[in-house]
């Protein structure tokens, strides 16, 4: 069995934030592929970035994904006029 070892609790928590971001974004991408807006994904990533920021973690990875969903959802609204 492979083991992943972190130097400290902060490293573990940062990796957890990044993994949750990856999972949430993956789900959001499947929603967009069905030609539906991924507003819940956007809201979840916004909250995740806020929490990471409040606890002084690096939220740049979360923000990168968040910007992708903001843009996609905005384009969806422009084309279909739905919210």
PDB file of N, CA and C in Angstrom:
ATOM      1  N   UNK A   1       0.839  -1.161   0.000  1.00  0.00           N
ATOM      2  CA  UNK A   1       0.000   0.000   0.000  1.00  0.00           C
ATOM      3  C   UNK A   1       0.897   1.241   0.000  1.00  0.00           C
ATOM      4  N   UNK A   2       0.540   2.211  -0.849  1.00  0.00           N
ATOM      5  CA  UNK A   2       1.294   3.463  -0.896  1.00  0.00           C
ATOM      6  C   UNK A   2       0.862   4.377   0.235  1.00  0.00           C
ATOM      7  N   UNK A   3       1.825   5.054   0.818  1.00  0.00           N
ATOM      8  CA  UNK A   3       1.527   6.010   1.878  1.00  0.00           C
ATOM      9  C   UNK A   3       1.936   7.398   1.430  1.00  0.00           C
ATOM     10  N   UNK A   4       1.117   8.355   1.784  1.00  0.00           N
ATOM     11  CA  UNK A   4       1.446   9.749   1.538  1.00  0.00           C
ATOM     12  C   UNK A   4       1.751  10.365   2.887  1.00  0.00           C
ATOM     13  N   UNK A   5       2.904  10.987   2.988  1.00  0.00           N
ATOM     14  CA  UNK A   5       3.332  11.576   4.251  1.00  0.00           C
ATOM     15  C   UNK A   5       3.442  13.088   4.067  1.00  0.00           C
ATOM     16  N   UNK A   6       2.888  13.811   4.996  1.00  0.00           N
ATOM     17  CA  UNK A   6       2.948  15.269   4.968  1.00  0.00           C
ATOM     18  C   UNK A   6       3.893  15.752   6.055  1.00  0.00           C
ATOM     19  N   UNK A   7       4.559  16.862   5.776  1.00  0.00           N
ATOM     20  CA  UNK A   7       5.498  17.414   6.750  1.00  0.00           C
ATOM     21  C   UNK A   7       4.799  17.879   8.013  1.00  0.00           C
ATOM     22  N   UNK A   8       3.595  18.413   7.837  1.00  0.00           N
ATOM     23  CA  UNK A   8       2.864  18.943   8.988  1.00  0.00           C
ATOM     24  C   UNK A   8       1.367  18.968   8.690  1.00  0.00           C
ATOM     25  N   UNK A   9       0.601  19.365   9.682  1.00  0.00           N
ATOM     26  CA  UNK A   9      -0.855  19.403   9.540  1.00  0.00           C
ATOM     27  C   UNK A   9      -1.277  20.412   8.476  1.00  0.00           C
ATOM     28  N   UNK A  10      -0.556  21.516   8.368  1.00  0.00           N
ATOM     29  CA  UNK A  10      -0.900  22.531   7.374  1.00  0.00           C
ATOM     30  C   UNK A  10      -0.762  21.972   5.957  1.00  0.00           C
ATOM     31  N   UNK A  11       0.281  21.208   5.712  1.00  0.00           N
ATOM     32  CA  UNK A  11       0.465  20.585   4.406  1.00  0.00           C
ATOM     33  C   UNK A  11      -0.655  19.617   4.079  1.00  0.00           C
ATOM     34  N   UNK A  12      -1.075  18.860   5.086  1.00  0.00           N
ATOM     35  CA  UNK A  12      -2.183  17.928   4.900  1.00  0.00           C
ATOM     36  C   UNK A  12      -3.468  18.676   4.576  1.00  0.00           C
ATOM     37  N   UNK A  13      -3.747  19.733   5.338  1.00  0.00           N
ATOM     38  CA  UNK A  13      -4.980  20.490   5.130  1.00  0.00           C
ATOM     39  C   UNK A  13      -4.971  21.181   3.772  1.00  0.00           C
ATOM     40  N   UNK A  14      -3.824  21.711   3.362  1.00  0.00           N
ATOM     41  CA  UNK A  14      -3.726  22.344   2.041  1.00  0.00           C
ATOM     42  C   UNK A  14      -4.018  21.324   0.948  1.00  0.00           C
ATOM     43  N   UNK A  15      -3.461  20.142   1.079  1.00  0.00           N
ATOM     44  CA  UNK A  15      -3.716  19.080   0.100  1.00  0.00           C
ATOM     45  C   UNK A  15      -5.190  18.697   0.093  1.00  0.00           C
ATOM     46  N   UNK A  16      -5.818  18.702   1.260  1.00  0.00           N
ATOM     47  CA  UNK A  16      -7.245  18.385   1.347  1.00  0.00           C
ATOM     48  C   UNK A  16      -8.078  19.444   0.630  1.00  0.00           C
ATOM     49  N   UNK A  17      -7.764  20.721   0.838  1.00  0.00           N
ATOM     50  CA  UNK A  17      -8.468  21.795   0.121  1.00  0.00           C
ATOM     51  C   UNK A  17      -8.333  21.596  -1.385  1.00  0.00           C
ATOM     52  N   UNK A  18      -7.135  21.290  -1.840  1.00  0.00           N
ATOM     53  CA  UNK A  18      -6.907  21.108  -3.272  1.00  0.00           C
ATOM     54  C   UNK A  18      -7.655  19.898  -3.818  1.00  0.00           C
ATOM     55  N   UNK A  19      -7.699  18.822  -3.056  1.00  0.00           N
ATOM     56  CA  UNK A  19      -8.404  17.618  -3.515  1.00  0.00           C
ATOM     57  C   UNK A  19      -9.910  17.847  -3.560  1.00  0.00           C
ATOM     58  N   UNK A  20     -10.453  18.512  -2.557  1.00  0.00           N
ATOM     59  CA  UNK A  20     -11.891  18.825  -2.568  1.00  0.00           C
ATOM     60  C   UNK A  20     -12.204  19.725  -3.763  1.00  0.00           C
ATOM     61  N   UNK A  21     -11.338  20.679  -4.034  1.00  0.00           N
ATOM     62  CA  UNK A  21     -11.519  21.553  -5.197  1.00  0.00           C
ATOM     63  C   UNK A  21     -11.553  20.739  -6.477  1.00  0.00           C
ATOM     64  N   UNK A  22     -10.646  19.792  -6.601  1.00  0.00           N
ATOM     65  CA  UNK A  22     -10.601  18.952  -7.799  1.00  0.00           C
ATOM     66  C   UNK A  22     -11.890  18.154  -7.961  1.00  0.00           C
ATOM     67  N   UNK A  23     -12.376  17.573  -6.872  1.00  0.00           N
ATOM     68  CA  UNK A  23     -13.590  16.758  -6.924  1.00  0.00           C
ATOM     69  C   UNK A  23     -14.808  17.608  -7.270  1.00  0.00           C
ATOM     70  N   UNK A  24     -14.950  18.755  -6.606  1.00  0.00           N
ATOM     71  CA  UNK A  24     -16.089  19.645  -6.863  1.00  0.00           C
ATOM     72  C   UNK A  24     -16.049  20.133  -8.313  1.00  0.00           C
ATOM     73  N   UNK A  25     -14.874  20.494  -8.793  1.00  0.00           N
ATOM     74  CA  UNK A  25     -14.737  20.983 -10.162  1.00  0.00           C
ATOM     75  C   UNK A  25     -15.037  19.894 -11.184  1.00  0.00           C
ATOM     76  N   UNK A  26     -14.639  18.694 -10.878  1.00  0.00           N
ATOM     77  CA  UNK A  26     -14.920  17.567 -11.767  1.00  0.00           C
ATOM     78  C   UNK A  26     -16.428  17.363 -11.892  1.00  0.00           C
ATOM     79  N   UNK A  27     -17.123  17.453 -10.783  1.00  0.00           N
ATOM     80  CA  UNK A  27     -18.581  17.324 -10.815  1.00  0.00           C
ATOM     81  C   UNK A  27     -19.197  18.474 -11.608  1.00  0.00           C
ATOM     82  N   UNK A  28     -18.715  19.690 -11.367  1.00  0.00           N
ATOM     83  CA  UNK A  28     -19.228  20.851 -12.092  1.00  0.00           C
ATOM     84  C   UNK A  28     -19.009  20.741 -13.591  1.00  0.00           C
ATOM     85  N   UNK A  29     -17.882  20.195 -13.983  1.00  0.00           N
ATOM     86  CA  UNK A  29     -17.596  20.018 -15.405  1.00  0.00           C
ATOM     87  C   UNK A  29     -18.595  19.065 -16.045  1.00  0.00           C
ATOM     88  N   UNK A  30     -18.975  18.023 -15.320  1.00  0.00           N
ATOM     89  CA  UNK A  30     -19.963  17.089 -15.873  1.00  0.00           C
ATOM     90  C   UNK A  30     -21.328  17.756 -16.000  1.00  0.00           C
ATOM     91  N   UNK A  31     -21.641  18.684 -15.100  1.00  0.00           N
ATOM     92  CA  UNK A  31     -22.897  19.439 -15.204  1.00  0.00           C
ATOM     93  C   UNK A  31     -22.861  20.310 -16.458  1.00  0.00           C
ATOM     94  N   UNK A  32     -21.761  21.017 -16.668  1.00  0.00           N
ATOM     95  CA  UNK A  32     -21.638  21.870 -17.852  1.00  0.00           C
ATOM     96  C   UNK A  32     -21.704  21.061 -19.144  1.00  0.00           C
ATOM     97  N   UNK A  33     -21.153  19.855 -19.130  1.00  0.00           N
ATOM     98  CA  UNK A  33     -21.200  18.996 -20.316  1.00  0.00           C
ATOM     99  C   UNK A  33     -22.627  18.626 -20.692  1.00  0.00           C
ATOM    100  N   UNK A  34     -23.531  18.673 -19.723  1.00  0.00           N
ATOM    101  CA  UNK A  34     -24.952  18.386 -19.969  1.00  0.00           C
ATOM    102  C   UNK A  34     -25.706  19.648 -20.381  1.00  0.00           C
ATOM    103  N   UNK A  35     -24.968  20.697 -20.709  1.00  0.00           N
ATOM    104  CA  UNK A  35     -25.531  21.989 -21.108  1.00  0.00           C
ATOM    105  C   UNK A  35     -26.435  22.580 -20.038  1.00  0.00           C
ATOM    106  N   UNK A  36     -25.987  22.475 -18.809  1.00  0.00           N
ATOM    107  CA  UNK A  36     -26.684  23.076 -17.670  1.00  0.00           C
ATOM    108  C   UNK A  36     -25.678  23.942 -16.922  1.00  0.00           C
ATOM    109  N   UNK A  37     -26.148  25.015 -16.317  1.00  0.00           N
ATOM    110  CA  UNK A  37     -25.217  25.855 -15.553  1.00  0.00           C
ATOM    111  C   UNK A  37     -24.764  25.148 -14.285  1.00  0.00           C
ATOM    112  N   UNK A  38     -23.584  25.487 -13.842  1.00  0.00           N
ATOM    113  CA  UNK A  38     -23.024  24.871 -12.635  1.00  0.00           C
ATOM    114  C   UNK A  38     -22.931  25.921 -11.528  1.00  0.00           C
ATOM    115  N   UNK A  39     -24.076  26.530 -11.214  1.00  0.00           N
ATOM    116  CA  UNK A  39     -24.098  27.572 -10.188  1.00  0.00           C
ATOM    117  C   UNK A  39     -23.741  27.023  -8.810  1.00  0.00           C
ATOM    118  N   UNK A  40     -24.192  25.821  -8.505  1.00  0.00           N
ATOM    119  CA  UNK A  40     -23.863  25.231  -7.200  1.00  0.00           C
ATOM    120  C   UNK A  40     -22.360  24.999  -7.064  1.00  0.00           C
ATOM    121  N   UNK A  41     -21.737  24.605  -8.149  1.00  0.00           N
ATOM    122  CA  UNK A  41     -20.285  24.417  -8.133  1.00  0.00           C
ATOM    123  C   UNK A  41     -19.590  25.742  -7.871  1.00  0.00           C
ATOM    124  N   UNK A  42     -20.051  26.783  -8.544  1.00  0.00           N
ATOM    125  CA  UNK A  42     -19.475  28.108  -8.347  1.00  0.00           C
ATOM    126  C   UNK A  42     -19.626  28.552  -6.898  1.00  0.00           C
ATOM    127  N   UNK A  43     -20.811  28.379  -6.340  1.00  0.00           N
ATOM    128  CA  UNK A  43     -21.041  28.776  -4.948  1.00  0.00           C
ATOM    129  C   UNK A  43     -20.180  27.964  -3.986  1.00  0.00           C
ATOM    130  N   UNK A  44     -20.051  26.688  -4.245  1.00  0.00           N
ATOM    131  CA  UNK A  44     -19.244  25.827  -3.383  1.00  0.00           C
ATOM    132  C   UNK A  44     -17.781  26.260  -3.419  1.00  0.00           C
ATOM    133  N   UNK A  45     -17.265  26.529  -4.610  1.00  0.00           N
ATOM    134  CA  UNK A  45     -15.873  26.960  -4.734  1.00  0.00           C
ATOM    135  C   UNK A  45     -15.654  28.333  -4.103  1.00  0.00           C
ATOM    136  N   UNK A  46     -16.649  29.218  -4.215  1.00  0.00           N
ATOM    137  CA  UNK A  46     -16.543  30.526  -3.561  1.00  0.00           C
ATOM    138  C   UNK A  46     -16.416  30.356  -2.053  1.00  0.00           C
ATOM    139  N   UNK A  47     -17.239  29.491  -1.504  1.00  0.00           N
ATOM    140  CA  UNK A  47     -17.196  29.271  -0.059  1.00  0.00           C
ATOM    141  C   UNK A  47     -15.891  28.582   0.353  1.00  0.00           C
ATOM    142  N   UNK A  48     -15.463  27.627  -0.428  1.00  0.00           N
ATOM    143  CA  UNK A  48     -14.208  26.928  -0.136  1.00  0.00           C
ATOM    144  C   UNK A  48     -13.027  27.909  -0.154  1.00  0.00           C
ATOM    145  N   UNK A  49     -13.002  28.805  -1.131  1.00  0.00           N
ATOM    146  CA  UNK A  49     -11.938  29.814  -1.201  1.00  0.00           C
ATOM    147  C   UNK A  49     -11.994  30.749   0.000  1.00  0.00           C
ATOM    148  N   UNK A  50     -13.201  31.122   0.398  1.00  0.00           N
ATOM    149  CA  UNK A  50     -13.363  32.001   1.560  1.00  0.00           C
ATOM    150  C   UNK A  50     -12.815  31.331   2.816  1.00  0.00           C
ATOM    151  N   UNK A  51     -13.179  30.085   3.027  1.00  0.00           N
ATOM    152  CA  UNK A  51     -12.721  29.361   4.217  1.00  0.00           C
ATOM    153  C   UNK A  51     -11.198  29.201   4.185  1.00  0.00           C
ATOM    154  N   UNK A  52     -10.662  28.816   3.041  1.00  0.00           N
ATOM    155  CA  UNK A  52      -9.206  28.662   2.926  1.00  0.00           C
ATOM    156  C   UNK A  52      -8.508  29.981   3.237  1.00  0.00           C
ATOM    157  N   UNK A  53      -9.044  31.060   2.727  1.00  0.00           N
ATOM    158  CA  UNK A  53      -8.466  32.381   2.980  1.00  0.00           C
ATOM    159  C   UNK A  53      -8.538  32.753   4.456  1.00  0.00           C
ATOM    160  N   UNK A  54      -9.669  32.501   5.077  1.00  0.00           N
ATOM    161  CA  UNK A  54      -9.857  32.836   6.490  1.00  0.00           C
ATOM    162  C   UNK A  54      -8.864  32.101   7.391  1.00  0.00           C
ATOM    163  N   UNK A  55      -8.488  30.895   6.984  1.00  0.00           N
ATOM    164  CA  UNK A  55      -7.545  30.112   7.783  1.00  0.00           C
ATOM    165  C   UNK A  55      -6.119  30.192   7.238  1.00  0.00           C
ATOM    166  N   UNK A  56      -5.874  31.177   6.379  1.00  0.00           N
ATOM    167  CA  UNK A  56      -4.541  31.488   5.848  1.00  0.00           C
ATOM    168  C   UNK A  56      -3.928  30.372   4.991  1.00  0.00           C
ATOM    169  N   UNK A  57      -4.777  29.629   4.282  1.00  0.00           N
ATOM    170  CA  UNK A  57      -4.273  28.643   3.329  1.00  0.00           C
ATOM    171  C   UNK A  57      -4.208  29.280   1.951  1.00  0.00           C
ATOM    172  N   UNK A  58      -3.417  28.700   1.078  1.00  0.00           N
ATOM    173  CA  UNK A  58      -3.291  29.192  -0.293  1.00  0.00           C
ATOM    174  C   UNK A  58      -4.538  28.781  -1.071  1.00  0.00           C
ATOM    175  N   UNK A  59      -5.293  29.755  -1.531  1.00  0.00           N
ATOM    176  CA  UNK A  59      -6.528  29.459  -2.249  1.00  0.00           C
ATOM    177  C   UNK A  59      -6.408  29.738  -3.750  1.00  0.00           C
ATOM    178  N   UNK A  60      -5.189  29.870  -4.262  1.00  0.00           N
ATOM    179  CA  UNK A  60      -4.999  30.176  -5.680  1.00  0.00           C
ATOM    180  C   UNK A  60      -5.503  29.045  -6.587  1.00  0.00           C
ATOM    181  N   UNK A  61      -5.336  27.808  -6.173  1.00  0.00           N
ATOM    182  CA  UNK A  61      -5.832  26.667  -6.954  1.00  0.00           C
ATOM    183  C   UNK A  61      -7.353  26.695  -7.005  1.00  0.00           C
ATOM    184  N   UNK A  62      -7.971  27.010  -5.878  1.00  0.00           N
ATOM    185  CA  UNK A  62      -9.432  27.113  -5.817  1.00  0.00           C
ATOM    186  C   UNK A  62      -9.886  28.251  -6.713  1.00  0.00           C
ATOM    187  N   UNK A  63      -9.222  29.398  -6.614  1.00  0.00           N
ATOM    188  CA  UNK A  63      -9.583  30.570  -7.412  1.00  0.00           C
ATOM    189  C   UNK A  63      -9.489  30.300  -8.911  1.00  0.00           C
ATOM    190  N   UNK A  64      -8.489  29.555  -9.322  1.00  0.00           N
ATOM    191  CA  UNK A  64      -8.343  29.238 -10.745  1.00  0.00           C
ATOM    192  C   UNK A  64      -9.554  28.458 -11.244  1.00  0.00           C
ATOM    193  N   UNK A  65      -9.986  27.485 -10.472  1.00  0.00           N
ATOM    194  CA  UNK A  65     -11.176  26.715 -10.844  1.00  0.00           C
ATOM    195  C   UNK A  65     -12.426  27.584 -10.765  1.00  0.00           C
ATOM    196  N   UNK A  66     -12.504  28.399  -9.739  1.00  0.00           N
ATOM    197  CA  UNK A  66     -13.661  29.281  -9.553  1.00  0.00           C
ATOM    198  C   UNK A  66     -13.826  30.210 -10.748  1.00  0.00           C
ATOM    199  N   UNK A  67     -12.753  30.799 -11.224  1.00  0.00           N
ATOM    200  CA  UNK A  67     -12.833  31.711 -12.371  1.00  0.00           C
ATOM    201  C   UNK A  67     -13.347  30.989 -13.613  1.00  0.00           C
ATOM    202  N   UNK A  68     -12.958  29.741 -13.783  1.00  0.00           N
ATOM    203  CA  UNK A  68     -13.446  28.951 -14.910  1.00  0.00           C
ATOM    204  C   UNK A  68     -14.958  28.800 -14.847  1.00  0.00           C
ATOM    205  N   UNK A  69     -15.485  28.499 -13.667  1.00  0.00           N
ATOM    206  CA  UNK A  69     -16.930  28.313 -13.533  1.00  0.00           C
ATOM    207  C   UNK A  69     -17.689  29.630 -13.583  1.00  0.00           C
ATOM    208  N   UNK A  70     -17.100  30.693 -13.071  1.00  0.00           N
ATOM    209  CA  UNK A  70     -17.740  32.011 -13.194  1.00  0.00           C
ATOM    210  C   UNK A  70     -17.915  32.367 -14.666  1.00  0.00           C
ATOM    211  N   UNK A  71     -16.860  32.155 -15.437  1.00  0.00           N
ATOM    212  CA  UNK A  71     -16.906  32.472 -16.867  1.00  0.00           C
ATOM    213  C   UNK A  71     -17.920  31.588 -17.585  1.00  0.00           C
ATOM    214  N   UNK A  72     -17.883  30.298 -17.333  1.00  0.00           N
ATOM    215  CA  UNK A  72     -18.804  29.370 -17.997  1.00  0.00           C
ATOM    216  C   UNK A  72     -20.250  29.680 -17.629  1.00  0.00           C
ATOM    217  N   UNK A  73     -20.514  29.945 -16.356  1.00  0.00           N
ATOM    218  CA  UNK A  73     -21.879  30.252 -15.930  1.00  0.00           C
ATOM    219  C   UNK A  73     -22.353  31.579 -16.509  1.00  0.00           C
ATOM    220  N   UNK A  74     -21.460  32.542 -16.597  1.00  0.00           N
ATOM    221  CA  UNK A  74     -21.803  33.837 -17.189  1.00  0.00           C
ATOM    222  C   UNK A  74     -22.152  33.676 -18.667  1.00  0.00           C
ATOM    223  N   UNK A  75     -21.359  32.891 -19.371  1.00  0.00           N
ATOM    224  CA  UNK A  75     -21.642  32.626 -20.782  1.00  0.00           C
ATOM    225  C   UNK A  75     -22.964  31.891 -20.933  1.00  0.00           C
ATOM    226  N   UNK A  76     -23.235  30.965 -20.043  1.00  0.00           N
ATOM    227  CA  UNK A  76     -24.499  30.233 -20.083  1.00  0.00           C
ATOM    228  C   UNK A  76     -25.665  31.205 -19.924  1.00  0.00           C
ATOM    229  N   UNK A  77     -25.555  32.128 -18.974  1.00  0.00           N
ATOM    230  CA  UNK A  77     -26.611  33.113 -18.753  1.00  0.00           C
ATOM    231  C   UNK A  77     -26.779  34.016 -19.969  1.00  0.00           C
ATOM    232  N   UNK A  78     -25.678  34.414 -20.590  1.00  0.00           N
ATOM    233  CA  UNK A  78     -25.754  35.272 -21.772  1.00  0.00           C
ATOM    234  C   UNK A  78     -26.481  34.581 -22.916  1.00  0.00           C
ATOM    235  N   UNK A  79     -26.203  33.311 -23.103  1.00  0.00           N
ATOM    236  CA  UNK A  79     -26.788  32.569 -24.217  1.00  0.00           C
ATOM    237  C   UNK A  79     -28.228  32.157 -23.933  1.00  0.00           C
ATOM    238  N   UNK A  80     -28.467  31.609 -22.750  1.00  0.00           N
ATOM    239  CA  UNK A  80     -29.778  31.051 -22.450  1.00  0.00           C
ATOM    240  C   UNK A  80     -30.641  31.956 -21.578  1.00  0.00           C
ATOM    241  N   UNK A  81     -30.045  32.981 -21.005  1.00  0.00           N
ATOM    242  CA  UNK A  81     -30.799  33.925 -20.190  1.00  0.00           C
ATOM    243  C   UNK A  81     -31.419  33.331 -18.950  1.00  0.00           C
ATOM    244  N   UNK A  82     -30.805  32.308 -18.399  1.00  0.00           N
ATOM    245  CA  UNK A  82     -31.343  31.657 -17.203  1.00  0.00           C
ATOM    246  C   UNK A  82     -30.413  31.874 -16.033  1.00  0.00           C
ATOM    247  N   UNK A  83     -31.000  31.762 -14.850  1.00  0.00           N
ATOM    248  CA  UNK A  83     -30.183  31.824 -13.636  1.00  0.00           C
ATOM    249  C   UNK A  83     -30.566  30.712 -12.707  1.00  0.00           C
TER     250      UNK A  83
END
